[in-house]
Every structure is written in structure tokens, then in C-alpha cells.
Protein backbone atom coordinates (compact mmCIF):
# COMPACT_ATOMS: atom_id res chain seq x y z
CA MET A 1 134.64 100.79 50.24
CA GLN A 2 134.03 99.99 54.40
CA GLN A 3 134.73 96.82 55.34
CA ASN A 4 132.41 94.62 57.05
CA CYS A 5 132.47 90.47 58.27
CA TYR A 6 130.07 90.45 54.78
CA THR A 7 132.23 91.93 52.35
CA VAL A 8 135.04 90.66 53.47
CA TRP A 9 134.61 87.36 53.65
CA SER A 10 133.42 87.64 50.15
CA SER A 11 136.37 88.78 48.55
CA CYS A 12 138.17 85.56 50.42
CA LEU A 13 135.94 83.21 48.82
CA GLU A 14 136.43 84.58 45.42
CA LEU A 15 139.82 83.44 46.11
CA ILE A 16 139.55 80.11 47.79
CA ARG A 17 137.65 79.81 44.79
CA GLU A 18 140.23 79.76 42.43
CA HIS A 19 141.99 77.33 44.60
CA THR A 20 139.74 74.69 45.37
CA ASN A 21 137.46 72.20 43.25
CA GLU A 22 133.64 72.95 43.09
CA GLN A 23 133.17 69.51 44.86
CA SER A 24 135.65 71.02 48.16
CA PHE A 25 134.02 74.47 47.75
CA LYS A 26 130.75 73.53 48.14
CA THR A 27 131.04 71.33 50.96
CA TRP A 28 133.98 73.21 53.19
CA PHE A 29 133.45 76.83 52.70
CA ALA A 30 129.18 77.07 51.11
CA PRO A 31 128.25 76.45 54.23
CA ILE A 32 130.38 79.35 56.67
CA VAL A 33 128.59 82.98 57.66
CA PRO A 34 130.81 85.51 58.13
CA MET A 35 129.75 86.54 62.13
CA SER A 36 132.00 89.17 62.31
CA LEU A 37 134.50 91.84 62.08
CA ASP A 38 136.76 93.17 65.74
CA ASN A 39 139.73 94.65 64.95
CA HIS A 40 140.88 93.21 62.24
CA VAL A 41 140.00 89.57 63.65
CA LEU A 42 137.35 87.66 61.30
CA THR A 43 134.82 85.46 62.80
CA ILE A 44 133.07 83.40 61.25
CA GLN A 45 130.37 80.14 62.26
CA VAL A 46 131.07 76.78 61.09
CA PRO A 47 128.09 74.04 61.33
CA SER A 48 130.28 71.62 63.97
CA GLN A 49 133.75 71.33 65.88
CA PHE A 50 134.04 68.33 63.14
CA PHE A 51 134.12 70.78 60.59
CA TYR A 52 136.54 73.47 62.41
CA GLU A 53 138.97 70.75 62.43
CA TRP A 54 139.03 70.13 59.08
CA LEU A 55 139.33 72.91 57.73
CA GLU A 56 142.10 73.61 60.28
CA GLU A 57 144.14 70.78 59.32
CA ASN A 58 143.72 70.59 55.01
CA TYR A 59 143.23 74.45 54.45
CA VAL A 60 144.83 76.01 57.08
CA HIS A 61 147.48 77.87 54.47
CA LEU A 62 144.69 79.32 52.03
CA LEU A 63 142.38 80.38 54.24
CA LYS A 64 145.59 82.55 55.91
CA GLN A 65 146.53 83.39 52.52
CA ALA A 66 143.48 84.83 52.00
CA ILE A 67 142.66 86.50 55.07
CA MET A 68 146.03 88.50 54.53
CA GLN A 69 145.13 89.88 51.23
CA GLN A 70 141.98 91.14 52.70
CA LEU A 71 142.94 92.20 56.59
CA GLY A 72 147.03 92.62 55.53
CA PRO A 73 149.53 91.10 58.07
CA GLN A 74 148.54 91.79 61.34
CA GLY A 75 144.39 89.78 60.00
CA ARG A 76 143.65 86.76 61.98
CA LEU A 77 140.65 84.11 61.92
CA GLN A 78 138.47 83.32 64.81
CA TYR A 79 135.19 80.38 64.16
CA SER A 80 132.09 80.78 66.17
CA VAL A 81 131.56 76.54 66.12
CA ILE A 82 127.50 75.36 66.72
CA VAL A 83 127.78 72.75 69.38
CA ASP A 84 124.08 72.56 69.88
CA ARG A 85 121.39 73.91 66.64
CA GLY A 86 118.97 74.77 69.57
CA ASN A 87 115.37 74.31 68.89
CA GLU A 88 112.02 76.70 68.16
CA GLN A 89 112.64 77.53 71.71
CA TYR A 90 116.35 78.16 72.22
CA GLN A 91 118.70 79.61 69.91
CA PRO A 92 121.71 77.58 68.50
CA LYS A 93 125.03 77.53 71.45
CA THR A 94 128.84 78.00 70.03
CA VAL A 95 131.91 77.97 71.40
CA SER A 96 134.85 80.77 69.89
CA LEU A 97 137.55 78.68 69.13
CA PRO A 98 141.29 80.83 67.41
CA ALA A 99 142.83 79.81 64.19
CA MET A 100 146.15 81.69 62.82
CA LYS A 101 147.44 83.34 65.37
CA GLN A 102 149.78 84.95 63.22
CA HIS A 103 152.88 86.78 64.63
CA ALA A 104 152.81 90.63 63.16
CA ARG A 105 156.08 91.89 64.04
CA GLN A 106 157.96 89.00 62.23
CA PRO A 107 158.46 87.97 58.44
CA ALA A 108 156.30 85.14 57.44
CA GLY A 109 158.14 81.87 58.49
CA ALA A 110 159.67 83.08 61.22
CA GLY A 111 158.89 82.74 64.25
CA VAL A 112 155.89 80.53 63.37
CA ASN A 113 155.80 77.06 62.80
CA GLY A 114 154.28 75.59 58.90
CA ASN A 115 151.42 76.28 59.89
CA GLY A 116 151.61 79.82 60.14
CA TYR A 117 151.08 79.31 63.87
CA GLU A 118 152.75 81.28 66.70
CA PRO A 119 154.98 78.41 68.51
CA ASP A 120 153.74 78.00 71.85
CA TYR A 121 150.09 78.16 70.05
CA LYS A 122 147.83 74.58 70.20
CA SER A 123 144.51 73.56 68.78
CA PRO A 124 142.87 72.31 70.95
CA PHE A 125 141.62 69.27 68.36
CA ALA A 126 145.44 68.91 66.47
CA LEU A 127 146.16 65.40 66.54
CA ARG A 128 148.35 64.05 69.17
CA ALA A 129 151.81 62.38 67.58
CA ILE A 130 151.90 58.60 67.85
CA ASP A 131 155.20 57.03 68.80
CA GLU A 132 156.19 54.08 66.18
CA MET A 133 156.12 51.54 68.39
CA GLN A 134 152.42 51.92 69.30
CA GLN A 135 151.04 51.94 66.55
CA LYS A 136 150.19 48.06 66.74
CA SER A 137 147.59 46.63 64.51
CA HIS A 138 146.55 43.68 66.56
CA LEU A 139 146.51 41.67 63.35
CA ASN A 140 147.05 38.02 63.31
CA PRO A 141 149.21 37.40 60.72
CA ASN A 142 148.02 33.60 59.72
CA TYR A 143 144.62 35.43 58.37
CA SER A 144 145.61 36.05 54.68
CA PHE A 145 144.27 35.70 51.20
CA VAL A 146 146.25 32.93 50.22
CA THR A 147 144.44 31.09 52.83
CA TYR A 148 141.19 32.85 52.67
CA ILE A 149 139.39 29.81 50.20
CA GLU A 150 137.18 31.77 47.47
CA GLY A 151 134.12 30.14 46.20
CA ASP A 152 130.12 31.16 45.61
CA CYS A 153 129.30 31.74 49.17
CA ASN A 154 131.96 34.56 49.24
CA ARG A 155 133.07 36.18 46.12
CA LEU A 156 132.08 38.73 45.95
CA ALA A 157 133.18 39.69 49.43
CA ARG A 158 136.73 38.29 49.01
CA SER A 159 137.33 40.27 45.43
CA ALA A 160 135.97 43.84 47.13
CA GLY A 161 138.78 42.86 49.97
CA LEU A 162 141.23 42.63 47.46
CA ALA A 163 140.51 45.54 45.32
CA VAL A 164 140.25 47.20 48.88
CA ALA A 165 143.90 46.30 50.12
CA GLU A 166 144.93 47.07 46.78
CA ARG A 167 143.61 50.52 46.54
CA PRO A 168 142.59 51.63 50.55
CA GLY A 169 140.40 54.13 50.89
CA ALA A 170 140.11 55.09 46.84
CA THR A 171 138.05 52.94 45.73
CA SER A 172 134.05 53.29 45.73
CA PHE A 173 133.89 50.35 48.64
CA ASN A 174 134.11 53.01 51.02
CA PRO A 175 133.34 51.82 53.93
CA LEU A 176 133.20 48.26 52.99
CA MET A 177 130.65 46.49 55.52
CA ILE A 178 131.30 42.84 55.78
CA TYR A 179 128.29 40.78 57.05
CA GLY A 180 127.15 36.94 57.42
CA GLY A 181 126.64 33.82 60.54
CA VAL A 182 128.76 32.82 62.64
CA GLY A 183 132.42 31.08 62.00
CA LEU A 184 131.67 31.88 58.16
CA GLY A 185 134.99 34.00 57.73
CA LYS A 186 134.15 37.42 58.67
CA THR A 187 136.90 37.81 60.82
CA HIS A 188 139.51 35.95 58.95
CA LEU A 189 139.08 37.91 56.00
CA VAL A 190 139.07 41.94 57.33
CA GLN A 191 142.04 40.78 58.47
CA ALA A 192 143.94 39.26 55.44
CA ILE A 193 142.45 43.31 54.05
CA GLY A 194 144.87 44.45 56.86
CA ASN A 195 147.52 42.24 56.45
CA GLU A 196 147.59 43.04 52.74
CA ILE A 197 147.61 46.85 52.71
CA LYS A 198 150.45 46.85 56.08
CA HIS A 199 152.57 43.88 53.22
CA GLY A 200 151.95 46.76 50.20
CA PHE A 201 151.75 49.73 51.87
CA HIS A 202 154.40 50.63 55.01
CA ASP A 203 153.66 53.64 56.16
CA LYS A 204 149.85 53.24 56.31
CA PHE A 205 148.60 52.76 60.26
CA VAL A 206 145.63 49.76 59.95
CA LEU A 207 144.57 48.79 63.32
CA TYR A 208 141.99 46.27 63.59
CA VAL A 209 139.55 46.43 66.44
CA THR A 210 136.50 44.39 67.97
CA SER A 211 133.82 46.92 68.83
CA GLU A 212 133.73 45.31 72.67
CA ASN A 213 137.54 46.94 72.73
CA PHE A 214 136.98 49.82 71.15
CA THR A 215 133.96 50.51 73.24
CA ASN A 216 136.06 49.80 76.80
CA GLN A 217 138.64 51.75 75.22
CA PHE A 218 136.51 54.82 75.66
CA ILE A 219 134.81 53.82 78.57
CA GLU A 220 138.56 54.44 80.37
CA ALA A 221 138.57 57.37 78.44
CA LEU A 222 135.95 58.46 79.99
CA LYS A 223 137.39 57.87 83.26
CA GLY A 224 140.35 59.53 82.84
CA ASN A 225 139.14 62.66 80.96
CA ASN A 226 141.20 61.55 78.79
CA ALA A 227 138.35 61.32 75.81
CA GLN A 228 140.42 63.45 73.10
CA SER A 229 143.78 61.99 73.35
CA PHE A 230 141.57 58.85 72.42
CA SER A 231 139.76 60.41 69.33
CA ASN A 232 142.74 61.87 68.78
CA TYR A 233 144.37 58.15 68.35
CA TYR A 234 141.75 57.25 66.19
CA LEU A 235 141.76 60.21 64.07
CA GLN A 236 145.33 59.30 62.64
CA VAL A 237 144.80 56.25 61.72
CA ASP A 238 145.41 54.97 57.80
CA VAL A 239 142.49 52.16 57.79
CA LEU A 240 140.54 51.09 60.66
CA ILE A 241 138.71 47.67 60.73
CA ILE A 242 136.43 47.41 63.19
CA ASP A 243 134.49 44.25 63.98
CA ASP A 244 131.23 43.18 65.09
CA VAL A 245 129.66 46.13 65.16
CA GLN A 246 126.55 45.49 65.88
CA PHE A 247 127.53 45.53 69.78
CA LEU A 248 127.07 48.78 69.42
CA SER A 249 123.81 48.77 70.22
CA GLY A 250 122.68 50.82 72.77
CA LYS A 251 126.11 52.41 73.87
CA GLU A 252 124.44 56.11 72.69
CA LYS A 253 128.04 57.64 73.56
CA THR A 254 129.98 54.92 72.04
CA GLN A 255 128.16 55.85 68.66
CA GLU A 256 128.54 59.83 68.39
CA ILE A 257 132.50 59.20 69.74
CA PHE A 258 132.29 56.60 66.29
CA PHE A 259 130.61 58.61 64.52
CA HIS A 260 132.98 61.52 64.57
CA ILE A 261 136.06 59.41 63.54
CA PHE A 262 133.86 57.20 61.37
CA ASN A 263 133.08 60.88 59.47
CA HIS A 264 137.17 62.37 60.13
CA LEU A 265 138.26 59.18 58.69
CA HIS A 266 135.91 58.89 55.38
CA GLN A 267 136.34 62.89 54.44
CA SER A 268 139.90 62.05 54.71
CA GLY A 269 140.24 59.50 52.69
CA LYS A 270 141.27 56.98 54.77
CA GLN A 271 139.67 53.42 54.61
CA ILE A 272 136.49 51.97 56.76
CA ILE A 273 136.01 48.33 57.10
CA MET A 274 133.31 46.50 59.29
CA THR A 275 131.60 43.47 59.93
CA SER A 276 128.66 42.37 61.84
CA ASP A 277 126.32 39.56 61.87
CA CYS A 278 123.20 40.88 59.29
CA PRO A 279 122.97 43.70 57.18
CA PRO A 280 123.47 47.26 57.78
CA ARG A 281 118.83 47.61 57.37
CA GLU A 282 118.43 44.73 59.89
CA LEU A 283 121.10 46.42 62.90
CA LYS A 284 118.93 47.49 66.10
CA GLY A 285 119.84 50.10 68.32
CA LEU A 286 121.66 52.53 66.07
CA GLN A 287 121.65 56.16 65.33
CA GLU A 288 120.31 56.50 61.64
CA ARG A 289 123.31 58.57 60.77
CA LEU A 290 125.15 55.95 61.05
CA LEU A 291 123.51 53.63 59.39
CA SER A 292 123.27 55.42 56.39
CA ARG A 293 127.50 55.93 56.24
CA PHE A 294 127.51 52.39 57.02
CA LYS A 295 125.55 52.23 53.49
CA TRP A 296 127.83 54.70 51.77
CA GLY A 297 130.55 52.19 50.51
CA LEU A 298 129.52 48.49 49.73
CA THR A 299 127.84 45.87 52.22
CA ALA A 300 128.85 42.48 50.96
CA ASP A 301 128.09 39.20 52.70
CA LEU A 302 129.07 36.21 53.08
CA GLN A 303 127.29 32.95 53.11
CA ALA A 304 127.06 29.52 54.52
CA PRO A 305 130.17 27.80 52.35
CA ASP A 306 129.05 25.02 49.52
CA LEU A 307 130.01 21.05 49.70
CA GLU A 308 132.88 21.88 47.53
CA THR A 309 133.83 24.69 49.10
CA ARG A 310 134.56 22.95 52.18
CA MET A 311 136.10 21.03 51.13
CA ALA A 312 139.35 23.19 49.73
CA ILE A 313 139.43 24.45 53.32
CA ILE A 314 140.54 20.61 54.74
CA GLN A 315 141.92 19.87 51.97
CA ARG A 316 144.06 23.81 52.03
CA LYS A 317 144.15 23.20 56.06
CA MET A 318 145.87 19.61 56.06
CA GLU A 319 148.27 20.85 53.27
CA ALA A 320 149.63 24.16 55.57
CA ASP A 321 150.05 21.08 58.44
CA GLY A 322 151.55 18.72 56.45
CA ILE A 323 149.28 15.45 56.47
CA TYR A 324 147.70 13.58 53.75
CA ILE A 325 144.18 12.88 54.26
CA PRO A 326 142.23 10.73 51.32
CA THR A 327 139.33 12.49 49.39
CA GLU A 328 136.46 9.77 51.34
CA VAL A 329 137.20 11.16 54.16
CA VAL A 330 137.17 14.98 53.15
CA GLU A 331 134.07 14.47 51.92
CA TYR A 332 132.74 12.38 54.50
CA LEU A 333 133.97 15.28 56.76
CA ALA A 334 132.32 18.30 54.50
CA ASN A 335 129.31 16.23 54.34
CA SER A 336 129.35 15.86 58.33
CA VAL A 337 129.43 19.80 59.24
CA ASP A 338 128.06 22.39 57.18
CA THR A 339 127.35 24.71 59.57
CA ASN A 340 130.26 27.03 60.38
CA MET A 341 133.86 27.02 59.58
CA ARG A 342 134.60 27.36 63.39
CA GLU A 343 132.88 24.05 64.06
CA LEU A 344 134.79 22.64 61.24
CA GLU A 345 137.85 23.86 62.48
CA GLY A 346 137.32 21.79 65.65
CA VAL A 347 135.55 18.67 64.11
CA LEU A 348 139.76 19.07 62.70
CA VAL A 349 141.36 19.38 65.52
CA SER A 350 139.72 16.75 66.87
CA LEU A 351 140.62 14.23 63.96
CA LEU A 352 144.49 14.41 64.28
CA ALA A 353 144.39 14.46 67.80
CA HIS A 354 142.91 11.32 68.03
CA ALA A 355 145.14 10.18 65.45
CA SER A 356 148.11 11.50 66.79
CA LEU A 357 146.94 9.88 70.16
CA ASN A 358 145.91 6.17 68.62
CA ARG A 359 149.19 6.24 66.61
CA ARG A 360 146.70 5.57 63.64
CA ASN A 361 146.86 6.72 59.32
CA ILE A 362 143.49 8.94 58.93
CA ASP A 363 140.89 6.65 57.98
CA LEU A 364 137.08 6.82 57.14
CA GLU A 365 136.60 4.47 60.10
CA LEU A 366 138.40 6.85 62.23
CA ALA A 367 136.89 9.82 61.37
CA LYS A 368 133.60 8.19 61.79
CA ALA A 369 134.76 7.28 65.02
CA THR A 370 136.19 10.80 66.20
CA LEU A 371 132.65 12.80 64.74
CA GLN A 372 129.93 10.35 66.65
CA ASN A 373 130.74 12.84 69.98
CA ILE A 374 130.81 15.90 68.16
CA VAL A 375 128.20 16.11 65.27
CA GLN A 376 125.53 13.42 64.22
CA GLU A 377 126.48 10.17 62.48
CA ILE A 378 126.44 11.16 59.24
CA ASP A 379 124.85 7.41 58.21
CA THR A 380 122.11 8.03 61.22
CA GLU A 381 121.22 10.78 58.50
CA VAL A 382 119.17 11.31 54.72
CA ASN A 383 122.29 12.65 52.81
CA ILE A 384 123.09 12.07 48.98
CA ASP A 385 125.63 9.06 50.30
CA TYR A 386 122.30 6.96 51.74
CA ILE A 387 119.62 8.12 49.28
CA GLN A 388 122.90 6.90 46.87
CA LYS A 389 122.52 3.59 48.47
CA THR A 390 119.11 3.19 49.17
CA VAL A 391 118.03 4.01 45.85
CA SER A 392 120.44 1.76 44.04
CA ALA A 393 119.43 -1.15 46.04
CA TYR A 394 115.98 -0.40 45.68
CA PHE A 395 116.58 -0.55 42.01
CA SER A 396 119.28 -3.45 41.93
CA ILE A 397 122.56 -1.19 40.50
CA THR A 398 125.09 -0.14 42.49
CA PRO A 399 125.84 3.18 43.84
CA ASP A 400 128.92 3.33 41.08
CA GLN A 401 126.31 2.60 38.24
CA MET A 402 123.80 4.88 39.52
CA LYS A 403 126.45 7.76 38.73
CA GLY A 404 128.26 6.88 35.89
CA LYS A 405 127.98 8.00 32.40
CA SER A 406 126.06 5.01 31.05
CA ARG A 407 122.22 5.90 29.58
CA LYS A 408 120.71 2.30 30.46
CA ARG A 409 117.19 2.97 31.52
CA GLU A 410 117.18 1.52 34.83
CA PHE A 411 120.96 3.59 35.78
CA VAL A 412 118.70 6.71 34.36
CA VAL A 413 115.65 6.41 36.06
CA ALA A 414 117.50 5.23 39.27
CA ARG A 415 120.04 8.84 39.32
CA GLN A 416 116.39 11.23 38.77
CA VAL A 417 115.07 9.32 41.29
CA ALA A 418 117.83 9.51 43.31
CA MET A 419 118.79 13.63 42.24
CA TYR A 420 114.75 14.37 43.10
CA PHE A 421 115.20 12.92 46.71
CA ALA A 422 118.48 14.71 46.99
CA LYS A 423 116.69 17.68 46.64
CA GLU A 424 114.11 16.54 49.06
CA TYR A 425 115.52 15.59 51.85
CA THR A 426 119.03 17.85 51.71
CA THR A 427 120.43 21.41 51.75
CA HIS A 428 122.60 20.64 49.59
CA SER A 429 122.42 23.39 46.25
CA LEU A 430 121.71 21.62 42.76
CA LYS A 431 125.10 22.45 41.70
CA SER A 432 126.41 20.33 44.70
CA ILE A 433 123.73 17.53 43.98
CA GLY A 434 125.20 17.19 39.94
CA ALA A 435 128.96 17.44 42.35
CA HIS A 436 127.99 14.06 44.13
CA PHE A 437 126.24 12.52 40.75
CA GLY A 438 129.30 12.06 38.70
CA GLY A 439 130.10 15.46 37.65
CA ARG A 440 127.00 16.86 36.48
CA ASP A 441 125.93 20.25 36.45
CA HIS A 442 122.40 21.90 37.93
CA SER A 443 120.54 21.88 34.66
CA THR A 444 120.61 18.19 34.80
CA VAL A 445 119.30 18.02 38.23
CA ILE A 446 116.30 20.20 37.96
CA HIS A 447 115.89 17.76 34.39
CA ALA A 448 115.98 15.56 36.72
CA VAL A 449 113.29 16.26 39.30
CA GLN A 450 110.79 17.93 36.88
CA ALA A 451 111.63 13.99 34.84
CA VAL A 452 110.42 12.46 38.22
CA ASN A 453 107.43 14.38 38.97
CA ASP A 454 106.22 14.15 35.35
CA LEU A 455 106.35 10.14 35.19
CA MET A 456 104.63 10.09 38.56
CA GLU A 457 101.74 12.37 37.03
CA THR A 458 101.40 9.29 34.39
CA ASP A 459 102.82 6.12 35.75
CA GLY A 460 101.33 4.86 38.98
CA LYS A 461 103.48 1.79 38.67
CA PHE A 462 106.36 4.37 39.42
CA LYS A 463 104.59 6.86 41.52
CA ALA A 464 104.45 3.64 44.34
CA SER A 465 107.66 2.69 43.71
CA VAL A 466 108.30 6.56 45.01
CA LEU A 467 106.14 6.12 47.30
CA GLU A 468 108.09 3.02 49.00
CA LEU A 469 110.99 4.52 48.65
CA THR A 470 109.71 8.16 50.28
CA LYS A 471 108.69 6.06 53.18
CA LYS A 472 112.37 4.51 53.56
CA LEU A 473 113.79 7.71 53.77
CA LYS A 474 110.91 9.11 56.13
CA SER A 475 111.89 6.21 59.12
CA LYS A 476 115.35 6.88 58.91
CA VAL A 477 114.86 10.12 59.93
CA ALA A 478 112.61 9.61 62.19
CA ALA A 479 114.91 7.02 63.39
């Protein structure tokens, strides 16, 4: 029977199917099209350079075995790689690339390297080995899971990060996308993951890079005609952590190279971790094919930490510096700074500086004096502390009685009214409000708000009292 490219490739596929699983066969071999057979050289067409590279790196031995079985020891394989798919007017553009230049006059394994190539053969996409000293991860060793406080605001992201750190590239969280606003701990978390992987997997190359540095490196590579070396370097990474991917917006060439790097790493089972300031669906100026890949794994958000988490963060940071800080100061600081952790860290640095320069212990008075030029003074705001003082004074009881366990009617009514105003005038969660009232749960707060609304509809005197308190609180807001 006369051989042609179709019969030869069909026979090759039979052998290949026996040695690969069905998914790999469908992904990497079914799309290949036999093009020609000329003088024992079989040419096959593959969809992309990445496709070619993947076959060369992962299936070279199997391809070599199949070709030699069908064409003998002189058989060779050549790729026709599609570099431009064309359109209705123009045909696809392809380039030819060699493969498996088997040395015919020597036994297998003699005079060739482990891949069956002649010693002087170098694939144009072969990875350049990097020296161990070049494997700088650019991670901050101070970022760890120990110093990353868990709360409702970050529990999913932190748990996913731990799972990835334990089995990088082997979970369904690949890629792992962490998003959230400024100062909410994105960089801390992803670097904690990287440090944990480095600690548990000494042989893995973990690399942290900001999207800005990635772009600048690529531009420099283009200037020096070293784009392939740039790509080769990133293709060797086992865990790639890229921070602030939203800054790739509008950078078409950079997105193009990142797309190919992303594909290679993901297909190789390498872990990809990213951060952004918004979820993938809201990212603007990025290619759709990139955005679709960002959604392959897990997307987890970081929210502003609640009061309890902020207090825990303050206490942990102070303990790390060996500094005692009273609970009332911790609560005051946590109430004063509720935007992001970066601002809170700045406040703590200022507080420590004032304590050191003035040779004073850290107390509430020093905290207030320190914060008056950094954040708005807490006593000029309508906050839970001010609400409790105002309401308890109106009902002629003390704040401690209001927050206590007593079920006396005057205490209960005052407590419910204060909870009502806390829900109305602050951004605290129901859980946080309850914590401020003697550690009660969110359901107690819900009941209190409903009770005040119901009583206002049925008791005119009570409604007048609530309206009077409302005026007091609104005048504070206006001030």
C-alpha cells in the first residue's frame, strides 16, 4: 500500500492514542492536520507557535516513536505553524519549523541528546536555563499567613490562598484572582502565598512581579531585540504572581505576550495568582480572551475589615513590636480608621512616634492628640460611642447600664433606641453594632430596630423622644 501523509499520520495517531489519555489526545493531537510526505519527512500543521512548543516539550519522545515506526530510522517530522489565520480574502500564513532531526548513521541515543535531537539542534522556542542565583522571587519575607489576620472580610480569599500554597497548580483555583480596593491586603495575601510555597516546595521557582514592572521589562526586551529571552524566562516560572493586572489595560503588545505566557504556564500545570482592583467582568481595556482565562479558576474579593478584625490587626501589629496598648485605645483607633489597613498602619506609626518623642505611655489621650491631624476627631462624628453617650444621657442612665445584661424596661428601651441610631448613622455591620452593646448578636440588633419602628407608630410620646434625639444627632453631623 502506497504511503501518503494521511495514512502515515493516521497510523501515528493510533500509537499516540494508546499512550495518552482521551483529554490530552483531543486537545493536542486531534487538531493537527497532515500536510505532506516528502522523502521520509512528514509535515503536519499545528494551530499556533504555542501549540508547537507544547508538543516539543511534552510529547517529543512519543512523536519520535510514532514517526520511526511508520517511516523507519530515517523518518523525520516537520511542523507547519499557523502564525496568521487569515480571513475570507487572504489565506492563513504559516511558517515551517523542524523537529526531531534523528541522526540516521548512529544507533538511537548515540550522538544525540535525550530528546533525539542532534547536539547542534536548538528549537527556536527552546527554554533558556536560568542560573539559580537569577531565581529571585522578589517576595517580602515579612508577608505571611501568620501576620494576615482572618476575618469575614477575607475568609474565602485566605482559605483559597492556603489551599493553593499547599498544592500549587494542582487545585481548581488556577488562576487565583484576588480583587479589592486600595489597602485591603491584596499584596500581603498573594505574597504570603508565595512565601508559603517557597517554604514548602524548595524546588519551585516562585516569582512576584507588578504589572508595571512586567510591562517595563517587556519594553526593554523589545528595545534590545530580546523578546524571546523575556518570554523564555517567564515560561520557566512554577508560580507566577502578578500584582495589579488592571494596569495592563490598553497595552496590546504586553497583553499579547502575557496571553501566551499565561497559556503555557496554565497548560503546564503551573500556578498563576493575580490581583486587581475589581472583578474580571469589570476590567476595562483588556482583551476578551485574557478576561475569559482570568475566570477559569477562582475569583475572591477582599472587603473592608469590620471593627473586630481591625482591632485584631492593631493588637497583632503592636504585639509584634513588643508594645502594650490598652483595649480602649485599640477600640478608639479601630473606630477612627475604617477605610483601609494602609492608613491604619500609618496611624500606628505616628502614634508610636509621638509616644517615643514625648516619652509617654500610649493612652487614649495621646491617641486622640495624635489622630486629630490625621483623621477627623472621633468625638466630632456620630459614632457608636457618641450615640451611646447621647442616648443614655437622654434616658438618665449610664452607658454601662445600657450595655449591661439588665432587662429593666428603661435600660432595654434606651439600648434599642441606641441600636436603632447606630444602624441609621454609622456604617457598622449588625454584628459589629451588637458587639458594641455587650457582645450581643446581629439578631438582637434587627429586633431592636424593628421594635423602635413599631413603637414609633403606636406611641406618640416615644416618637417625639426619638425625633428629639434625631435632632441632636443631626446637629452633630452638621457641626
